């Protein structure tokens, strides 16, 4: 499936090492290298962690295709209604096994 239909739309990327990134997809190629603008990394903390979950702005961001595990469209209205600092959850594991 081609990601061309997602260009200029807000997407969420899960990386091979378990990071969660959102941003506007500017470009992609045949090996799934992605260029995102207005990129934000969401760091979701477990329920027993005293530190609040966080969003870290990265701006323009390139993700190598070998590091992309999942790419999906974001429902922007739903996304905007969530206070991400209050979200808690289990850590998403990576897909690389050593």
PDB file of N, CA and C in Angstrom:
ATOM      1  N   UNK A   1       0.837  -1.184   0.000  1.00  0.00           N
ATOM      2  CA  UNK A   1       0.000   0.000   0.000  1.00  0.00           C
ATOM      3  C   UNK A   1       0.885   1.252   0.000  1.00  0.00           C
ATOM      4  N   UNK A   2       0.559   2.199  -0.801  1.00  0.00           N
ATOM      5  CA  UNK A   2       1.312   3.439  -0.903  1.00  0.00           C
ATOM      6  C   UNK A   2       0.864   4.436   0.163  1.00  0.00           C
ATOM      7  N   UNK A   3       1.813   5.168   0.705  1.00  0.00           N
ATOM      8  CA  UNK A   3       1.500   6.200   1.683  1.00  0.00           C
ATOM      9  C   UNK A   3       1.225   7.549   1.018  1.00  0.00           C
ATOM     10  N   UNK A   4       1.245   7.600  -0.310  1.00  0.00           N
ATOM     11  CA  UNK A   4       1.017   8.854  -1.025  1.00  0.00           C
ATOM     12  C   UNK A   4      -0.326   9.489  -0.657  1.00  0.00           C
ATOM     13  N   UNK A   5      -1.313   8.669  -0.351  1.00  0.00           N
ATOM     14  CA  UNK A   5      -2.633   9.205   0.013  1.00  0.00           C
ATOM     15  C   UNK A   5      -2.612   9.926   1.365  1.00  0.00           C
ATOM     16  N   UNK A   6      -1.543   9.745   2.149  1.00  0.00           N
ATOM     17  CA  UNK A   6      -1.405  10.392   3.455  1.00  0.00           C
ATOM     18  C   UNK A   6      -0.622  11.701   3.390  1.00  0.00           C
ATOM     19  N   UNK A   7      -0.042  12.021   2.232  1.00  0.00           N
ATOM     20  CA  UNK A   7       0.761  13.231   2.102  1.00  0.00           C
ATOM     21  C   UNK A   7      -0.105  14.457   2.398  1.00  0.00           C
ATOM     22  N   UNK A   8       0.471  15.382   3.169  1.00  0.00           N
ATOM     23  CA  UNK A   8      -0.176  16.617   3.627  1.00  0.00           C
ATOM     24  C   UNK A   8      -1.293  16.361   4.637  1.00  0.00           C
ATOM     25  N   UNK A   9      -1.274  15.201   5.284  1.00  0.00           N
ATOM     26  CA  UNK A   9      -2.236  14.882   6.334  1.00  0.00           C
ATOM     27  C   UNK A   9      -1.466  14.537   7.606  1.00  0.00           C
ATOM     28  N   UNK A  10      -2.149  14.683   8.746  1.00  0.00           N
ATOM     29  CA  UNK A  10      -1.527  14.364  10.035  1.00  0.00           C
ATOM     30  C   UNK A  10      -1.505  12.852  10.225  1.00  0.00           C
ATOM     31  N   UNK A  11      -0.314  12.334  10.532  1.00  0.00           N
ATOM     32  CA  UNK A  11      -0.140  10.895  10.718  1.00  0.00           C
ATOM     33  C   UNK A  11       0.501  10.625  12.079  1.00  0.00           C
ATOM     34  N   UNK A  12       0.361   9.387  12.533  1.00  0.00           N
ATOM     35  CA  UNK A  12       1.038   8.902  13.721  1.00  0.00           C
ATOM     36  C   UNK A  12       1.958   7.776  13.287  1.00  0.00           C
ATOM     37  N   UNK A  13       3.194   7.822  13.752  1.00  0.00           N
ATOM     38  CA  UNK A  13       4.193   6.812  13.409  1.00  0.00           C
ATOM     39  C   UNK A  13       4.627   6.107  14.690  1.00  0.00           C
ATOM     40  N   UNK A  14       4.602   4.786  14.685  1.00  0.00           N
ATOM     41  CA  UNK A  14       5.251   4.003  15.728  1.00  0.00           C
ATOM     42  C   UNK A  14       6.555   3.517  15.125  1.00  0.00           C
ATOM     43  N   UNK A  15       7.651   3.778  15.818  1.00  0.00           N
ATOM     44  CA  UNK A  15       8.957   3.402  15.283  1.00  0.00           C
ATOM     45  C   UNK A  15       9.368   2.017  15.787  1.00  0.00           C
ATOM     46  N   UNK A  16      10.383   1.472  15.156  1.00  0.00           N
ATOM     47  CA  UNK A  16      10.870   0.140  15.505  1.00  0.00           C
ATOM     48  C   UNK A  16      11.374   0.071  16.939  1.00  0.00           C
ATOM     49  N   UNK A  17      11.817   1.207  17.488  1.00  0.00           N
ATOM     50  CA  UNK A  17      12.293   1.214  18.871  1.00  0.00           C
ATOM     51  C   UNK A  17      11.216   1.642  19.863  1.00  0.00           C
ATOM     52  N   UNK A  18       9.956   1.755  19.404  1.00  0.00           N
ATOM     53  CA  UNK A  18       8.821   1.996  20.295  1.00  0.00           C
ATOM     54  C   UNK A  18       8.446   3.443  20.517  1.00  0.00           C
ATOM     55  N   UNK A  19       9.054   4.384  19.796  1.00  0.00           N
ATOM     56  CA  UNK A  19       8.667   5.790  19.951  1.00  0.00           C
ATOM     57  C   UNK A  19       7.368   6.076  19.197  1.00  0.00           C
ATOM     58  N   UNK A  20       6.627   7.077  19.673  1.00  0.00           N
ATOM     59  CA  UNK A  20       5.381   7.509  19.046  1.00  0.00           C
ATOM     60  C   UNK A  20       5.569   8.942  18.571  1.00  0.00           C
ATOM     61  N   UNK A  21       5.426   9.155  17.256  1.00  0.00           N
ATOM     62  CA  UNK A  21       5.606  10.474  16.657  1.00  0.00           C
ATOM     63  C   UNK A  21       4.355  10.845  15.874  1.00  0.00           C
ATOM     64  N   UNK A  22       3.966  12.115  15.955  1.00  0.00           N
ATOM     65  CA  UNK A  22       2.883  12.616  15.110  1.00  0.00           C
ATOM     66  C   UNK A  22       3.404  13.824  14.341  1.00  0.00           C
ATOM     67  N   UNK A  23       2.838  14.044  13.176  1.00  0.00           N
ATOM     68  CA  UNK A  23       3.212  15.205  12.370  1.00  0.00           C
ATOM     69  C   UNK A  23       2.534  15.136  11.019  1.00  0.00           C
ATOM     70  N   UNK A  24       2.755  16.167  10.224  1.00  0.00           N
ATOM     71  CA  UNK A  24       2.198  16.218   8.878  1.00  0.00           C
ATOM     72  C   UNK A  24       3.178  15.545   7.920  1.00  0.00           C
ATOM     73  N   UNK A  25       2.707  14.545   7.209  1.00  0.00           N
ATOM     74  CA  UNK A  25       3.551  13.819   6.260  1.00  0.00           C
ATOM     75  C   UNK A  25       3.793  14.696   5.032  1.00  0.00           C
ATOM     76  N   UNK A  26       5.047  15.044   4.811  1.00  0.00           N
ATOM     77  CA  UNK A  26       5.401  15.871   3.654  1.00  0.00           C
ATOM     78  C   UNK A  26       5.811  15.035   2.459  1.00  0.00           C
ATOM     79  N   UNK A  27       6.500  13.924   2.734  1.00  0.00           N
ATOM     80  CA  UNK A  27       7.037  13.123   1.637  1.00  0.00           C
ATOM     81  C   UNK A  27       7.302  11.701   2.112  1.00  0.00           C
ATOM     82  N   UNK A  28       7.270  10.780   1.149  1.00  0.00           N
ATOM     83  CA  UNK A  28       7.624   9.387   1.417  1.00  0.00           C
ATOM     84  C   UNK A  28       8.168   8.792   0.122  1.00  0.00           C
ATOM     85  N   UNK A  29       8.890   7.688   0.248  1.00  0.00           N
ATOM     86  CA  UNK A  29       9.423   7.050  -0.946  1.00  0.00           C
ATOM     87  C   UNK A  29       9.140   5.557  -0.926  1.00  0.00           C
ATOM     88  N   UNK A  30       9.705   4.829  -1.882  1.00  0.00           N
ATOM     89  CA  UNK A  30       9.402   3.407  -2.059  1.00  0.00           C
ATOM     90  C   UNK A  30       9.931   2.525  -0.932  1.00  0.00           C
ATOM     91  N   UNK A  31      10.863   3.029  -0.116  1.00  0.00           N
ATOM     92  CA  UNK A  31      11.361   2.237   1.014  1.00  0.00           C
ATOM     93  C   UNK A  31      10.861   2.786   2.349  1.00  0.00           C
ATOM     94  N   UNK A  32       9.803   3.587   2.297  1.00  0.00           N
ATOM     95  CA  UNK A  32       9.092   4.130   3.454  1.00  0.00           C
ATOM     96  C   UNK A  32       9.910   5.134   4.262  1.00  0.00           C
ATOM     97  N   UNK A  33      10.926   5.762   3.656  1.00  0.00           N
ATOM     98  CA  UNK A  33      11.536   6.920   4.310  1.00  0.00           C
ATOM     99  C   UNK A  33      10.465   7.992   4.371  1.00  0.00           C
ATOM    100  N   UNK A  34      10.325   8.638   5.523  1.00  0.00           N
ATOM    101  CA  UNK A  34       9.265   9.627   5.716  1.00  0.00           C
ATOM    102  C   UNK A  34       9.850  10.966   6.126  1.00  0.00           C
ATOM    103  N   UNK A  35       9.253  12.044   5.638  1.00  0.00           N
ATOM    104  CA  UNK A  35       9.584  13.393   6.089  1.00  0.00           C
ATOM    105  C   UNK A  35       8.316  13.963   6.712  1.00  0.00           C
ATOM    106  N   UNK A  36       8.419  14.374   7.988  1.00  0.00           N
ATOM    107  CA  UNK A  36       7.294  14.957   8.711  1.00  0.00           C
ATOM    108  C   UNK A  36       7.600  16.398   9.075  1.00  0.00           C
ATOM    109  N   UNK A  37       6.579  17.237   9.068  1.00  0.00           N
ATOM    110  CA  UNK A  37       6.714  18.598   9.599  1.00  0.00           C
ATOM    111  C   UNK A  37       5.879  18.685  10.869  1.00  0.00           C
ATOM    112  N   UNK A  38       6.179  19.671  11.688  1.00  0.00           N
ATOM    113  CA  UNK A  38       5.459  19.879  12.957  1.00  0.00           C
ATOM    114  C   UNK A  38       5.418  18.581  13.767  1.00  0.00           C
ATOM    115  N   UNK A  39       6.552  17.903  13.803  1.00  0.00           N
ATOM    116  CA  UNK A  39       6.634  16.604  14.462  1.00  0.00           C
ATOM    117  C   UNK A  39       6.664  16.755  15.975  1.00  0.00           C
ATOM    118  N   UNK A  40       5.873  15.909  16.641  1.00  0.00           N
ATOM    119  CA  UNK A  40       5.826  15.870  18.104  1.00  0.00           C
ATOM    120  C   UNK A  40       5.997  14.426  18.534  1.00  0.00           C
ATOM    121  N   UNK A  41       6.916  14.202  19.473  1.00  0.00           N
ATOM    122  CA  UNK A  41       7.084  12.874  20.058  1.00  0.00           C
ATOM    123  C   UNK A  41       6.264  12.813  21.334  1.00  0.00           C
ATOM    124  N   UNK A  42       5.429  11.799  21.439  1.00  0.00           N
ATOM    125  CA  UNK A  42       4.610  11.603  22.645  1.00  0.00           C
ATOM    126  C   UNK A  42       5.292  10.573  23.540  1.00  0.00           C
ATOM    127  N   UNK A  43       5.551  10.987  24.761  1.00  0.00           N
ATOM    128  CA  UNK A  43       6.172  10.099  25.741  1.00  0.00           C
ATOM    129  C   UNK A  43       5.109   9.786  26.788  1.00  0.00           C
ATOM    130  N   UNK A  44       4.530   8.605  26.672  1.00  0.00           N
ATOM    131  CA  UNK A  44       3.447   8.185  27.573  1.00  0.00           C
ATOM    132  C   UNK A  44       4.070   7.423  28.735  1.00  0.00           C
ATOM    133  N   UNK A  45       3.791   7.885  29.930  1.00  0.00           N
ATOM    134  CA  UNK A  45       4.360   7.283  31.138  1.00  0.00           C
ATOM    135  C   UNK A  45       3.414   6.230  31.706  1.00  0.00           C
ATOM    136  N   UNK A  46       3.980   5.203  32.373  1.00  0.00           N
ATOM    137  CA  UNK A  46       3.131   4.195  33.035  1.00  0.00           C
ATOM    138  C   UNK A  46       2.401   4.802  34.232  1.00  0.00           C
ATOM    139  N   UNK A  47       1.344   4.143  34.669  1.00  0.00           N
ATOM    140  CA  UNK A  47       0.507   4.648  35.764  1.00  0.00           C
ATOM    141  C   UNK A  47       1.285   4.843  37.054  1.00  0.00           C
ATOM    142  N   UNK A  48       2.296   4.023  37.300  1.00  0.00           N
ATOM    143  CA  UNK A  48       3.041   4.119  38.554  1.00  0.00           C
ATOM    144  C   UNK A  48       4.203   5.115  38.500  1.00  0.00           C
ATOM    145  N   UNK A  49       4.377   5.811  37.387  1.00  0.00           N
ATOM    146  CA  UNK A  49       5.441   6.812  37.237  1.00  0.00           C
ATOM    147  C   UNK A  49       4.925   8.153  37.745  1.00  0.00           C
ATOM    148  N   UNK A  50       5.702   8.814  38.597  1.00  0.00           N
ATOM    149  CA  UNK A  50       5.282  10.104  39.154  1.00  0.00           C
ATOM    150  C   UNK A  50       5.360  11.225  38.126  1.00  0.00           C
ATOM    151  N   UNK A  51       6.232  11.085  37.133  1.00  0.00           N
ATOM    152  CA  UNK A  51       6.397  12.113  36.110  1.00  0.00           C
ATOM    153  C   UNK A  51       5.218  12.078  35.135  1.00  0.00           C
ATOM    154  N   UNK A  52       4.776  13.261  34.724  1.00  0.00           N
ATOM    155  CA  UNK A  52       3.657  13.358  33.785  1.00  0.00           C
ATOM    156  C   UNK A  52       4.100  12.922  32.389  1.00  0.00           C
ATOM    157  N   UNK A  53       3.159  12.427  31.602  1.00  0.00           N
ATOM    158  CA  UNK A  53       3.434  12.151  30.194  1.00  0.00           C
ATOM    159  C   UNK A  53       3.780  13.477  29.524  1.00  0.00           C
ATOM    160  N   UNK A  54       4.469  13.419  28.384  1.00  0.00           N
ATOM    161  CA  UNK A  54       4.954  14.654  27.771  1.00  0.00           C
ATOM    162  C   UNK A  54       4.879  14.586  26.250  1.00  0.00           C
ATOM    163  N   UNK A  55       4.898  15.772  25.660  1.00  0.00           N
ATOM    164  CA  UNK A  55       5.020  15.910  24.217  1.00  0.00           C
ATOM    165  C   UNK A  55       6.262  16.763  23.950  1.00  0.00           C
ATOM    166  N   UNK A  56       7.153  16.266  23.108  1.00  0.00           N
ATOM    167  CA  UNK A  56       8.395  16.963  22.780  1.00  0.00           C
ATOM    168  C   UNK A  56       8.355  17.340  21.301  1.00  0.00           C
ATOM    169  N   UNK A  57       8.490  18.633  21.027  1.00  0.00           N
ATOM    170  CA  UNK A  57       8.436  19.110  19.644  1.00  0.00           C
ATOM    171  C   UNK A  57       9.779  18.879  18.963  1.00  0.00           C
ATOM    172  N   UNK A  58       9.742  18.316  17.739  1.00  0.00           N
ATOM    173  CA  UNK A  58      10.949  18.080  16.951  1.00  0.00           C
ATOM    174  C   UNK A  58      10.944  18.849  15.633  1.00  0.00           C
ATOM    175  N   UNK A  59       9.828  19.472  15.265  1.00  0.00           N
ATOM    176  CA  UNK A  59       9.773  20.242  14.015  1.00  0.00           C
ATOM    177  C   UNK A  59       9.874  19.353  12.787  1.00  0.00           C
ATOM    178  N   UNK A  60      10.765  19.711  11.843  1.00  0.00           N
ATOM    179  CA  UNK A  60      10.971  18.923  10.628  1.00  0.00           C
ATOM    180  C   UNK A  60      11.757  17.679  10.995  1.00  0.00           C
ATOM    181  N   UNK A  61      11.297  16.502  10.539  1.00  0.00           N
ATOM    182  CA  UNK A  61      11.858  15.242  11.028  1.00  0.00           C
ATOM    183  C   UNK A  61      11.898  14.211   9.907  1.00  0.00           C
ATOM    184  N   UNK A  62      13.011  13.518   9.775  1.00  0.00           N
ATOM    185  CA  UNK A  62      13.174  12.452   8.790  1.00  0.00           C
ATOM    186  C   UNK A  62      13.237  11.127   9.523  1.00  0.00           C
ATOM    187  N   UNK A  63      12.447  10.158   9.080  1.00  0.00           N
ATOM    188  CA  UNK A  63      12.457   8.814   9.664  1.00  0.00           C
ATOM    189  C   UNK A  63      12.852   7.839   8.562  1.00  0.00           C
ATOM    190  N   UNK A  64      13.923   7.103   8.799  1.00  0.00           N
ATOM    191  CA  UNK A  64      14.341   6.088   7.824  1.00  0.00           C
ATOM    192  C   UNK A  64      13.306   4.977   7.765  1.00  0.00           C
ATOM    193  N   UNK A  65      13.071   4.470   6.578  1.00  0.00           N
ATOM    194  CA  UNK A  65      12.058   3.442   6.372  1.00  0.00           C
ATOM    195  C   UNK A  65      12.226   2.213   7.237  1.00  0.00           C
ATOM    196  N   UNK A  66      13.468   1.813   7.491  1.00  0.00           N
ATOM    197  CA  UNK A  66      13.709   0.622   8.324  1.00  0.00           C
ATOM    198  C   UNK A  66      13.281   0.827   9.776  1.00  0.00           C
ATOM    199  N   UNK A  67      13.031   2.080  10.173  1.00  0.00           N
ATOM    200  CA  UNK A  67      12.604   2.376  11.543  1.00  0.00           C
ATOM    201  C   UNK A  67      11.103   2.582  11.679  1.00  0.00           C
ATOM    202  N   UNK A  68      10.355   2.495  10.584  1.00  0.00           N
ATOM    203  CA  UNK A  68       8.906   2.676  10.625  1.00  0.00           C
ATOM    204  C   UNK A  68       8.236   1.323  10.862  1.00  0.00           C
ATOM    205  N   UNK A  69       7.513   1.213  11.980  1.00  0.00           N
ATOM    206  CA  UNK A  69       6.771  -0.017  12.262  1.00  0.00           C
ATOM    207  C   UNK A  69       5.314   0.127  11.815  1.00  0.00           C
ATOM    208  N   UNK A  70       4.698   1.293  12.125  1.00  0.00           N
ATOM    209  CA  UNK A  70       3.288   1.540  11.790  1.00  0.00           C
ATOM    210  C   UNK A  70       3.134   3.002  11.392  1.00  0.00           C
ATOM    211  N   UNK A  71       2.312   3.259  10.383  1.00  0.00           N
ATOM    212  CA  UNK A  71       1.957   4.621   9.986  1.00  0.00           C
ATOM    213  C   UNK A  71       0.447   4.667   9.776  1.00  0.00           C
ATOM    214  N   UNK A  72      -0.221   5.604  10.434  1.00  0.00           N
ATOM    215  CA  UNK A  72      -1.670   5.709  10.281  1.00  0.00           C
ATOM    216  C   UNK A  72      -2.138   7.152  10.347  1.00  0.00           C
ATOM    217  N   UNK A  73      -3.321   7.403   9.798  1.00  0.00           N
ATOM    218  CA  UNK A  73      -3.923   8.735   9.844  1.00  0.00           C
ATOM    219  C   UNK A  73      -4.407   9.061  11.247  1.00  0.00           C
ATOM    220  N   UNK A  74      -4.356  10.342  11.594  1.00  0.00           N
ATOM    221  CA  UNK A  74      -4.809  10.819  12.896  1.00  0.00           C
ATOM    222  C   UNK A  74      -6.152  11.517  12.722  1.00  0.00           C
ATOM    223  N   UNK A  75      -7.108  11.194  13.588  1.00  0.00           N
ATOM    224  CA  UNK A  75      -8.365  11.931  13.653  1.00  0.00           C
ATOM    225  C   UNK A  75      -8.047  13.215  14.422  1.00  0.00           C
ATOM    226  N   UNK A  76      -7.876  14.316  13.710  1.00  0.00           N
ATOM    227  CA  UNK A  76      -7.385  15.552  14.318  1.00  0.00           C
ATOM    228  C   UNK A  76      -8.329  16.126  15.370  1.00  0.00           C
ATOM    229  N   UNK A  77      -9.615  15.988  15.176  1.00  0.00           N
ATOM    230  CA  UNK A  77     -10.577  16.495  16.157  1.00  0.00           C
ATOM    231  C   UNK A  77     -10.457  15.712  17.471  1.00  0.00           C
ATOM    232  N   UNK A  78     -10.418  14.398  17.375  1.00  0.00           N
ATOM    233  CA  UNK A  78     -10.256  13.556  18.559  1.00  0.00           C
ATOM    234  C   UNK A  78      -8.906  13.808  19.212  1.00  0.00           C
ATOM    235  N   UNK A  79      -7.851  13.895  18.407  1.00  0.00           N
ATOM    236  CA  UNK A  79      -6.506  14.116  18.918  1.00  0.00           C
ATOM    237  C   UNK A  79      -6.418  15.422  19.710  1.00  0.00           C
ATOM    238  N   UNK A  80      -7.036  16.477  19.205  1.00  0.00           N
ATOM    239  CA  UNK A  80      -7.005  17.783  19.868  1.00  0.00           C
ATOM    240  C   UNK A  80      -7.786  17.787  21.180  1.00  0.00           C
ATOM    241  N   UNK A  81      -8.733  16.870  21.326  1.00  0.00           N
ATOM    242  CA  UNK A  81      -9.563  16.843  22.541  1.00  0.00           C
ATOM    243  C   UNK A  81      -8.899  16.100  23.708  1.00  0.00           C
ATOM    244  N   UNK A  82      -7.753  15.479  23.469  1.00  0.00           N
ATOM    245  CA  UNK A  82      -7.084  14.674  24.496  1.00  0.00           C
ATOM    246  C   UNK A  82      -5.986  15.492  25.171  1.00  0.00           C
ATOM    247  N   UNK A  83      -5.974  15.486  26.508  1.00  0.00           N
ATOM    248  CA  UNK A  83      -4.892  16.103  27.273  1.00  0.00           C
ATOM    249  C   UNK A  83      -3.802  15.050  27.438  1.00  0.00           C
ATOM    250  N   UNK A  84      -2.803  15.085  26.565  1.00  0.00           N
ATOM    251  CA  UNK A  84      -1.786  14.042  26.519  1.00  0.00           C
ATOM    252  C   UNK A  84      -0.927  13.989  27.779  1.00  0.00           C
ATOM    253  N   UNK A  85      -0.858  15.068  28.547  1.00  0.00           N
ATOM    254  CA  UNK A  85      -0.084  15.059  29.798  1.00  0.00           C
ATOM    255  C   UNK A  85      -0.723  14.142  30.834  1.00  0.00           C
ATOM    256  N   UNK A  86      -2.026  13.895  30.703  1.00  0.00           N
ATOM    257  CA  UNK A  86      -2.744  13.055  31.669  1.00  0.00           C
ATOM    258  C   UNK A  86      -2.873  11.599  31.232  1.00  0.00           C
ATOM    259  N   UNK A  87      -2.476  11.306  30.010  1.00  0.00           N
ATOM    260  CA  UNK A  87      -2.602   9.939  29.491  1.00  0.00           C
ATOM    261  C   UNK A  87      -1.531   9.062  30.130  1.00  0.00           C
ATOM    262  N   UNK A  88      -1.925   7.878  30.559  1.00  0.00           N
ATOM    263  CA  UNK A  88      -1.007   6.891  31.131  1.00  0.00           C
ATOM    264  C   UNK A  88      -1.161   5.592  30.368  1.00  0.00           C
ATOM    265  N   UNK A  89      -0.102   4.822  30.290  1.00  0.00           N
ATOM    266  CA  UNK A  89      -0.194   3.547  29.591  1.00  0.00           C
ATOM    267  C   UNK A  89       1.097   2.785  29.661  1.00  0.00           C
ATOM    268  N   UNK A  90       1.042   1.537  29.256  1.00  0.00           N
ATOM    269  CA  UNK A  90       2.222   0.693  29.233  1.00  0.00           C
ATOM    270  C   UNK A  90       3.142   1.129  28.096  1.00  0.00           C
ATOM    271  N   UNK A  91       4.415   0.901  28.287  1.00  0.00           N
ATOM    272  CA  UNK A  91       5.409   1.221  27.280  1.00  0.00           C
ATOM    273  C   UNK A  91       5.215   0.319  26.071  1.00  0.00           C
ATOM    274  N   UNK A  92       5.235   0.920  24.886  1.00  0.00           N
ATOM    275  CA  UNK A  92       5.150   0.139  23.645  1.00  0.00           C
ATOM    276  C   UNK A  92       6.551  -0.401  23.366  1.00  0.00           C
ATOM    277  N   UNK A  93       6.653  -1.702  23.257  1.00  0.00           N
ATOM    278  CA  UNK A  93       7.963  -2.312  23.000  1.00  0.00           C
ATOM    279  C   UNK A  93       8.395  -2.133  21.563  1.00  0.00           C
ATOM    280  N   UNK A  94       9.669  -2.307  21.325  1.00  0.00           N
ATOM    281  CA  UNK A  94      10.203  -2.229  19.976  1.00  0.00           C
ATOM    282  C   UNK A  94       9.943  -3.502  19.212  1.00  0.00           C
ATOM    283  N   UNK A  95      10.263  -3.480  17.917  1.00  0.00           N
ATOM    284  CA  UNK A  95      10.042  -4.678  17.097  1.00  0.00           C
ATOM    285  C   UNK A  95      11.329  -5.418  16.778  1.00  0.00           C
ATOM    286  N   UNK A  96      12.463  -4.837  17.189  1.00  0.00           N
ATOM    287  CA  UNK A  96      13.754  -5.465  16.927  1.00  0.00           C
ATOM    288  C   UNK A  96      14.137  -6.356  18.086  1.00  0.00           C
ATOM    289  N   UNK A  97      14.466  -7.589  17.780  1.00  0.00           N
ATOM    290  CA  UNK A  97      14.857  -8.546  18.799  1.00  0.00           C
ATOM    291  C   UNK A  97      16.346  -8.841  18.658  1.00  0.00           C
ATOM    292  N   UNK A  98      17.028  -8.869  19.786  1.00  0.00           N
ATOM    293  CA  UNK A  98      18.468  -9.168  19.763  1.00  0.00           C
ATOM    294  C   UNK A  98      18.774 -10.427  20.517  1.00  0.00           C
TER     295      UNK A  98
END
